[in-house]
Amino acid sequence: MPIIEWAFVCDSAFVDASGKASIIGAFENLTAHALPFSHPQMSIAVGLKLALEEEVEVNTVIITAHGKEIARTNPKRLTRADTEGASTLIVIFTYYGTTFSEIGQHHIEILLDGNTARFIPLIIGLLPKE
């Protein structure tokens, strides 16, 4: 069974040619002057441990504080087919222009084969009026 070793919400993430992940601007809070607001770019980086020859379909969903789905990524199918090398597979999902219309504790669900495997909190707030 796949195991999520780590997961980050960040501004950007990538994996270089050697397989090293770079997580840029990790966060758990977003604030704005008014609602609704659109966040230009947000990445979800996930490190998964898979057994040899194991396959899994991974995707993510953003859920508001009141339980409404506002965005979903397309699923990615991962397979660990090598006999050597890294046992952790890294998958990155990026959301562009996500609109948030309510404050409170939203969350990002990481789904493995269609089932929720982990929640990552995402707090949406408003800046104080000046």
N, C-alpha and C. Protein backbone atom coordinates (compact mmCIF):
# COMPACT_ATOMS: atom_id res chain seq x y z
N MET A 1 0.84 -1.18 0.00
CA MET A 1 0.00 0.00 0.00
C MET A 1 0.88 1.24 0.00
N PRO A 2 0.59 2.23 -0.86
CA PRO A 2 1.39 3.45 -0.90
C PRO A 2 1.30 4.22 0.42
N ILE A 3 2.40 4.86 0.78
CA ILE A 3 2.47 5.66 2.00
C ILE A 3 2.89 7.07 1.62
N ILE A 4 2.14 8.06 2.09
CA ILE A 4 2.55 9.46 1.90
C ILE A 4 3.60 9.78 2.95
N GLU A 5 4.83 10.03 2.51
CA GLU A 5 5.91 10.34 3.45
C GLU A 5 5.90 11.81 3.83
N TRP A 6 5.57 12.68 2.87
CA TRP A 6 5.53 14.11 3.13
C TRP A 6 4.66 14.80 2.09
N ALA A 7 4.19 16.00 2.45
CA ALA A 7 3.40 16.80 1.51
C ALA A 7 3.53 18.26 1.89
N PHE A 8 3.67 19.12 0.89
CA PHE A 8 3.82 20.55 1.10
C PHE A 8 2.89 21.33 0.20
N VAL A 9 2.34 22.42 0.72
CA VAL A 9 1.67 23.43 -0.09
C VAL A 9 2.68 24.55 -0.24
N CYS A 10 2.91 25.00 -1.46
CA CYS A 10 3.96 25.98 -1.69
C CYS A 10 3.66 26.81 -2.93
N ASP A 11 4.48 27.84 -3.12
CA ASP A 11 4.34 28.68 -4.31
C ASP A 11 4.72 27.92 -5.57
N SER A 12 5.79 27.12 -5.47
CA SER A 12 6.28 26.39 -6.63
C SER A 12 7.10 25.20 -6.16
N ALA A 13 7.15 24.16 -6.99
CA ALA A 13 7.96 22.99 -6.68
C ALA A 13 8.40 22.34 -7.99
N PHE A 14 9.55 21.71 -7.95
CA PHE A 14 10.02 20.97 -9.11
C PHE A 14 10.98 19.88 -8.66
N VAL A 15 11.22 18.94 -9.56
CA VAL A 15 12.18 17.87 -9.32
C VAL A 15 13.26 18.00 -10.37
N ASP A 16 14.52 18.06 -9.93
CA ASP A 16 15.62 18.22 -10.89
C ASP A 16 15.98 16.87 -11.51
N ALA A 17 16.95 16.90 -12.41
CA ALA A 17 17.34 15.70 -13.17
C ALA A 17 17.86 14.57 -12.27
N SER A 18 18.38 14.92 -11.09
CA SER A 18 18.88 13.89 -10.18
C SER A 18 17.79 13.34 -9.27
N GLY A 19 16.58 13.89 -9.37
CA GLY A 19 15.47 13.42 -8.55
C GLY A 19 15.27 14.18 -7.26
N LYS A 20 16.03 15.26 -7.07
CA LYS A 20 15.92 16.06 -5.86
C LYS A 20 14.77 17.05 -5.99
N ALA A 21 13.88 17.07 -4.98
CA ALA A 21 12.74 17.99 -4.98
C ALA A 21 13.16 19.34 -4.41
N SER A 22 12.66 20.41 -5.03
CA SER A 22 12.82 21.76 -4.51
C SER A 22 11.43 22.31 -4.21
N ILE A 23 11.24 22.70 -2.96
CA ILE A 23 9.97 23.25 -2.48
C ILE A 23 10.23 24.73 -2.22
N ILE A 24 9.52 25.60 -2.93
CA ILE A 24 9.77 27.04 -2.85
C ILE A 24 8.56 27.73 -2.25
N GLY A 25 8.77 28.43 -1.14
CA GLY A 25 7.72 29.23 -0.52
C GLY A 25 6.61 28.41 0.11
N ALA A 26 6.95 27.47 0.99
CA ALA A 26 5.93 26.66 1.67
C ALA A 26 5.06 27.56 2.55
N PHE A 27 3.76 27.27 2.59
CA PHE A 27 2.85 28.07 3.40
C PHE A 27 1.64 27.23 3.81
N GLU A 28 0.89 27.77 4.79
CA GLU A 28 -0.38 27.17 5.18
C GLU A 28 -1.46 28.23 5.35
N ASN A 29 -1.11 29.51 5.12
CA ASN A 29 -2.07 30.61 5.24
C ASN A 29 -2.04 31.47 3.98
N LEU A 30 -3.21 31.91 3.55
CA LEU A 30 -3.34 32.90 2.49
C LEU A 30 -4.24 34.01 3.01
N THR A 31 -3.83 35.25 2.80
CA THR A 31 -4.66 36.37 3.22
C THR A 31 -4.85 37.33 2.06
N ALA A 32 -5.98 38.03 2.09
CA ALA A 32 -6.31 38.97 1.03
C ALA A 32 -7.00 40.18 1.63
N HIS A 33 -7.15 41.23 0.82
CA HIS A 33 -7.83 42.45 1.27
C HIS A 33 -9.34 42.28 1.25
N ALA A 34 -9.86 41.46 0.34
CA ALA A 34 -11.30 41.28 0.21
C ALA A 34 -11.60 39.94 -0.44
N LEU A 35 -12.82 39.50 -0.27
CA LEU A 35 -13.29 38.28 -0.91
C LEU A 35 -14.24 38.64 -2.04
N PRO A 36 -14.31 37.85 -3.08
CA PRO A 36 -13.42 36.74 -3.39
C PRO A 36 -12.08 37.24 -3.89
N PHE A 37 -11.08 36.38 -3.85
CA PHE A 37 -9.78 36.71 -4.42
C PHE A 37 -9.24 35.49 -5.15
N SER A 38 -8.39 35.74 -6.11
CA SER A 38 -7.79 34.69 -6.91
C SER A 38 -6.32 34.58 -6.56
N HIS A 39 -5.89 33.37 -6.20
CA HIS A 39 -4.47 33.14 -5.91
C HIS A 39 -3.80 32.68 -7.19
N PRO A 40 -2.74 33.37 -7.63
CA PRO A 40 -2.18 33.10 -8.96
C PRO A 40 -1.62 31.69 -9.18
N GLN A 41 -0.87 31.17 -8.21
CA GLN A 41 -0.27 29.85 -8.39
C GLN A 41 0.01 29.21 -7.05
N MET A 42 -0.31 27.93 -6.95
CA MET A 42 -0.07 27.17 -5.73
C MET A 42 0.24 25.73 -6.14
N SER A 43 1.32 25.19 -5.58
CA SER A 43 1.70 23.82 -5.90
C SER A 43 1.55 22.93 -4.67
N ILE A 44 1.23 21.68 -4.92
CA ILE A 44 1.17 20.65 -3.88
C ILE A 44 2.22 19.61 -4.27
N ALA A 45 3.23 19.45 -3.44
CA ALA A 45 4.29 18.47 -3.68
C ALA A 45 4.09 17.31 -2.70
N VAL A 46 4.11 16.10 -3.23
CA VAL A 46 3.84 14.92 -2.40
C VAL A 46 4.94 13.89 -2.64
N GLY A 47 5.50 13.36 -1.54
CA GLY A 47 6.46 12.28 -1.61
C GLY A 47 5.79 10.98 -1.19
N LEU A 48 5.79 10.00 -2.08
CA LEU A 48 5.11 8.73 -1.84
C LEU A 48 6.10 7.57 -1.82
N LYS A 49 5.93 6.68 -0.88
CA LYS A 49 6.72 5.45 -0.85
C LYS A 49 5.85 4.35 -1.44
N LEU A 50 6.38 3.72 -2.48
CA LEU A 50 5.69 2.61 -3.14
C LEU A 50 6.59 1.39 -3.11
N ALA A 51 5.96 0.24 -3.01
CA ALA A 51 6.70 -1.01 -3.13
C ALA A 51 7.05 -1.24 -4.59
N LEU A 52 8.03 -2.08 -4.83
CA LEU A 52 8.43 -2.43 -6.19
C LEU A 52 7.23 -2.94 -6.97
N GLU A 53 7.05 -2.43 -8.19
CA GLU A 53 5.95 -2.79 -9.10
C GLU A 53 4.58 -2.28 -8.65
N GLU A 54 4.51 -1.53 -7.56
CA GLU A 54 3.23 -1.00 -7.10
C GLU A 54 2.82 0.20 -7.95
N GLU A 55 1.53 0.35 -8.18
CA GLU A 55 0.97 1.48 -8.92
C GLU A 55 -0.06 2.19 -8.06
N VAL A 56 -0.19 3.49 -8.28
CA VAL A 56 -1.21 4.26 -7.58
C VAL A 56 -1.61 5.46 -8.44
N GLU A 57 -2.87 5.83 -8.35
CA GLU A 57 -3.35 7.05 -9.00
C GLU A 57 -3.48 8.11 -7.91
N VAL A 58 -2.89 9.29 -8.16
CA VAL A 58 -2.84 10.35 -7.17
C VAL A 58 -3.47 11.61 -7.75
N ASN A 59 -4.28 12.29 -6.95
CA ASN A 59 -4.72 13.63 -7.31
C ASN A 59 -5.07 14.40 -6.04
N THR A 60 -5.39 15.69 -6.20
CA THR A 60 -5.68 16.55 -5.07
C THR A 60 -6.96 17.34 -5.32
N VAL A 61 -7.59 17.74 -4.21
CA VAL A 61 -8.82 18.50 -4.26
C VAL A 61 -8.75 19.58 -3.19
N ILE A 62 -9.22 20.80 -3.51
CA ILE A 62 -9.31 21.87 -2.51
C ILE A 62 -10.77 21.96 -2.06
N ILE A 63 -10.96 21.89 -0.74
CA ILE A 63 -12.28 21.92 -0.12
C ILE A 63 -12.35 23.15 0.80
N THR A 64 -13.46 23.90 0.69
CA THR A 64 -13.62 25.10 1.52
C THR A 64 -13.92 24.73 2.97
N ALA A 65 -13.93 25.76 3.82
CA ALA A 65 -14.25 25.57 5.23
C ALA A 65 -15.66 25.00 5.42
N HIS A 66 -16.55 25.23 4.46
CA HIS A 66 -17.92 24.72 4.54
C HIS A 66 -18.14 23.46 3.71
N GLY A 67 -17.05 22.83 3.26
CA GLY A 67 -17.15 21.53 2.61
C GLY A 67 -17.42 21.53 1.12
N LYS A 68 -17.26 22.67 0.47
CA LYS A 68 -17.51 22.76 -0.97
C LYS A 68 -16.19 22.57 -1.73
N GLU A 69 -16.22 21.70 -2.75
CA GLU A 69 -15.04 21.52 -3.59
C GLU A 69 -14.93 22.71 -4.54
N ILE A 70 -13.74 23.35 -4.56
CA ILE A 70 -13.56 24.50 -5.45
C ILE A 70 -12.54 24.25 -6.55
N ALA A 71 -11.72 23.23 -6.42
CA ALA A 71 -10.73 22.92 -7.46
C ALA A 71 -10.27 21.48 -7.30
N ARG A 72 -9.88 20.89 -8.43
CA ARG A 72 -9.41 19.50 -8.45
C ARG A 72 -8.36 19.36 -9.54
N THR A 73 -7.33 18.57 -9.26
CA THR A 73 -6.31 18.31 -10.27
C THR A 73 -6.66 17.04 -11.02
N ASN A 74 -6.10 16.91 -12.20
CA ASN A 74 -6.24 15.66 -12.95
C ASN A 74 -5.37 14.60 -12.28
N PRO A 75 -5.87 13.37 -12.21
CA PRO A 75 -5.08 12.32 -11.58
C PRO A 75 -3.81 11.99 -12.36
N LYS A 76 -2.78 11.58 -11.62
CA LYS A 76 -1.54 11.11 -12.22
C LYS A 76 -1.31 9.67 -11.73
N ARG A 77 -0.94 8.79 -12.65
CA ARG A 77 -0.67 7.40 -12.30
C ARG A 77 0.83 7.24 -12.11
N LEU A 78 1.22 6.71 -10.96
CA LEU A 78 2.62 6.49 -10.63
C LEU A 78 2.87 4.99 -10.50
N THR A 79 4.05 4.57 -10.94
CA THR A 79 4.47 3.18 -10.81
C THR A 79 5.93 3.16 -10.39
N ARG A 80 6.24 2.33 -9.42
CA ARG A 80 7.65 2.13 -9.08
C ARG A 80 8.09 0.84 -9.75
N ALA A 81 8.76 0.97 -10.86
CA ALA A 81 9.13 -0.19 -11.67
C ALA A 81 10.61 -0.55 -11.56
N ASP A 82 11.43 0.37 -11.05
CA ASP A 82 12.86 0.08 -11.01
C ASP A 82 13.21 -0.81 -9.82
N THR A 83 14.31 -1.52 -9.93
CA THR A 83 14.75 -2.36 -8.82
C THR A 83 15.75 -1.64 -7.94
N GLU A 84 16.25 -0.52 -8.43
CA GLU A 84 17.19 0.29 -7.66
C GLU A 84 16.69 1.72 -7.67
N GLY A 85 17.48 2.62 -7.11
CA GLY A 85 17.12 4.02 -7.14
C GLY A 85 16.19 4.39 -6.00
N ALA A 86 15.63 5.59 -6.11
CA ALA A 86 14.80 6.13 -5.04
C ALA A 86 13.54 5.31 -4.84
N SER A 87 13.22 5.06 -3.58
CA SER A 87 11.97 4.37 -3.28
C SER A 87 10.84 5.36 -3.05
N THR A 88 11.18 6.65 -2.95
CA THR A 88 10.16 7.69 -2.81
C THR A 88 9.93 8.33 -4.17
N LEU A 89 8.68 8.30 -4.61
CA LEU A 89 8.31 8.97 -5.85
C LEU A 89 7.71 10.32 -5.50
N ILE A 90 8.04 11.32 -6.29
CA ILE A 90 7.57 12.68 -6.03
C ILE A 90 6.61 13.08 -7.14
N VAL A 91 5.46 13.58 -6.73
CA VAL A 91 4.48 14.08 -7.69
C VAL A 91 4.12 15.51 -7.29
N ILE A 92 3.98 16.37 -8.29
CA ILE A 92 3.67 17.78 -8.04
C ILE A 92 2.42 18.15 -8.83
N PHE A 93 1.49 18.79 -8.15
CA PHE A 93 0.28 19.31 -8.76
C PHE A 93 0.30 20.83 -8.62
N THR A 94 -0.12 21.55 -9.65
CA THR A 94 -0.14 23.01 -9.58
C THR A 94 -1.52 23.53 -9.94
N TYR A 95 -2.01 24.41 -9.09
CA TYR A 95 -3.28 25.11 -9.32
C TYR A 95 -2.95 26.53 -9.79
N TYR A 96 -3.66 26.99 -10.81
CA TYR A 96 -3.49 28.34 -11.32
C TYR A 96 -4.80 29.12 -11.18
N GLY A 97 -4.71 30.31 -10.62
CA GLY A 97 -5.88 31.20 -10.55
C GLY A 97 -7.04 30.64 -9.75
N THR A 98 -6.76 29.98 -8.64
CA THR A 98 -7.83 29.45 -7.79
C THR A 98 -8.52 30.60 -7.08
N THR A 99 -9.84 30.63 -7.14
CA THR A 99 -10.62 31.68 -6.49
C THR A 99 -11.15 31.18 -5.15
N PHE A 100 -10.89 31.98 -4.11
CA PHE A 100 -11.38 31.70 -2.76
C PHE A 100 -12.45 32.72 -2.41
N SER A 101 -13.59 32.24 -1.93
CA SER A 101 -14.73 33.11 -1.67
C SER A 101 -15.15 33.13 -0.21
N GLU A 102 -14.46 32.38 0.64
CA GLU A 102 -14.80 32.39 2.06
C GLU A 102 -13.54 32.23 2.90
N ILE A 103 -13.60 32.77 4.11
CA ILE A 103 -12.48 32.64 5.04
C ILE A 103 -12.65 31.37 5.86
N GLY A 104 -11.60 31.00 6.57
CA GLY A 104 -11.66 29.84 7.45
C GLY A 104 -10.68 28.77 7.05
N GLN A 105 -10.76 27.65 7.74
CA GLN A 105 -9.83 26.54 7.49
C GLN A 105 -10.35 25.67 6.35
N HIS A 106 -9.79 25.89 5.18
CA HIS A 106 -10.01 25.03 4.05
C HIS A 106 -9.05 23.85 4.20
N HIS A 107 -9.09 22.91 3.29
CA HIS A 107 -8.08 21.86 3.30
C HIS A 107 -7.89 21.32 1.89
N ILE A 108 -6.72 20.77 1.71
CA ILE A 108 -6.39 20.10 0.47
C ILE A 108 -6.36 18.61 0.77
N GLU A 109 -7.14 17.87 0.03
CA GLU A 109 -7.17 16.41 0.20
C GLU A 109 -6.23 15.80 -0.82
N ILE A 110 -5.42 14.87 -0.37
CA ILE A 110 -4.62 14.06 -1.28
C ILE A 110 -5.32 12.72 -1.41
N LEU A 111 -5.66 12.37 -2.64
CA LEU A 111 -6.38 11.13 -2.90
C LEU A 111 -5.46 10.10 -3.53
N LEU A 112 -5.50 8.88 -3.01
CA LEU A 112 -4.77 7.75 -3.57
C LEU A 112 -5.82 6.75 -4.05
N ASP A 113 -5.79 6.48 -5.35
CA ASP A 113 -6.78 5.60 -5.97
C ASP A 113 -8.21 6.01 -5.62
N GLY A 114 -8.45 7.33 -5.60
CA GLY A 114 -9.79 7.87 -5.37
C GLY A 114 -10.21 8.00 -3.93
N ASN A 115 -9.38 7.57 -2.99
CA ASN A 115 -9.71 7.62 -1.57
C ASN A 115 -8.85 8.65 -0.86
N THR A 116 -9.44 9.42 0.04
CA THR A 116 -8.69 10.43 0.79
C THR A 116 -7.65 9.75 1.67
N ALA A 117 -6.39 10.16 1.48
CA ALA A 117 -5.29 9.58 2.26
C ALA A 117 -4.70 10.59 3.25
N ARG A 118 -4.84 11.88 2.95
CA ARG A 118 -4.29 12.90 3.84
C ARG A 118 -4.99 14.22 3.59
N PHE A 119 -5.12 15.02 4.67
CA PHE A 119 -5.62 16.38 4.60
C PHE A 119 -4.48 17.33 4.93
N ILE A 120 -4.37 18.41 4.18
CA ILE A 120 -3.41 19.48 4.50
C ILE A 120 -4.24 20.73 4.75
N PRO A 121 -4.11 21.35 5.93
CA PRO A 121 -4.89 22.56 6.20
C PRO A 121 -4.42 23.74 5.34
N LEU A 122 -5.36 24.58 4.96
CA LEU A 122 -5.06 25.81 4.22
C LEU A 122 -5.99 26.87 4.80
N ILE A 123 -5.42 27.79 5.57
CA ILE A 123 -6.20 28.82 6.25
C ILE A 123 -6.33 30.04 5.35
N ILE A 124 -7.57 30.44 5.08
CA ILE A 124 -7.86 31.62 4.27
C ILE A 124 -8.34 32.72 5.21
N GLY A 125 -7.67 33.89 5.14
CA GLY A 125 -8.04 35.00 6.02
C GLY A 125 -8.07 36.32 5.29
N LEU A 126 -8.54 37.33 5.97
CA LEU A 126 -8.59 38.69 5.45
C LEU A 126 -7.61 39.56 6.20
N LEU A 127 -6.95 40.44 5.48
CA LEU A 127 -6.08 41.41 6.12
C LEU A 127 -6.92 42.44 6.86
N PRO A 128 -6.40 42.99 7.96
CA PRO A 128 -7.18 44.01 8.69
C PRO A 128 -7.37 45.26 7.81
N LYS A 129 -8.55 45.88 7.97
CA LYS A 129 -8.81 47.11 7.22
C LYS A 129 -7.97 48.23 7.81
N GLU A 130 -7.44 49.05 6.92
CA GLU A 130 -6.56 50.15 7.38
C GLU A 130 -7.35 51.40 7.65
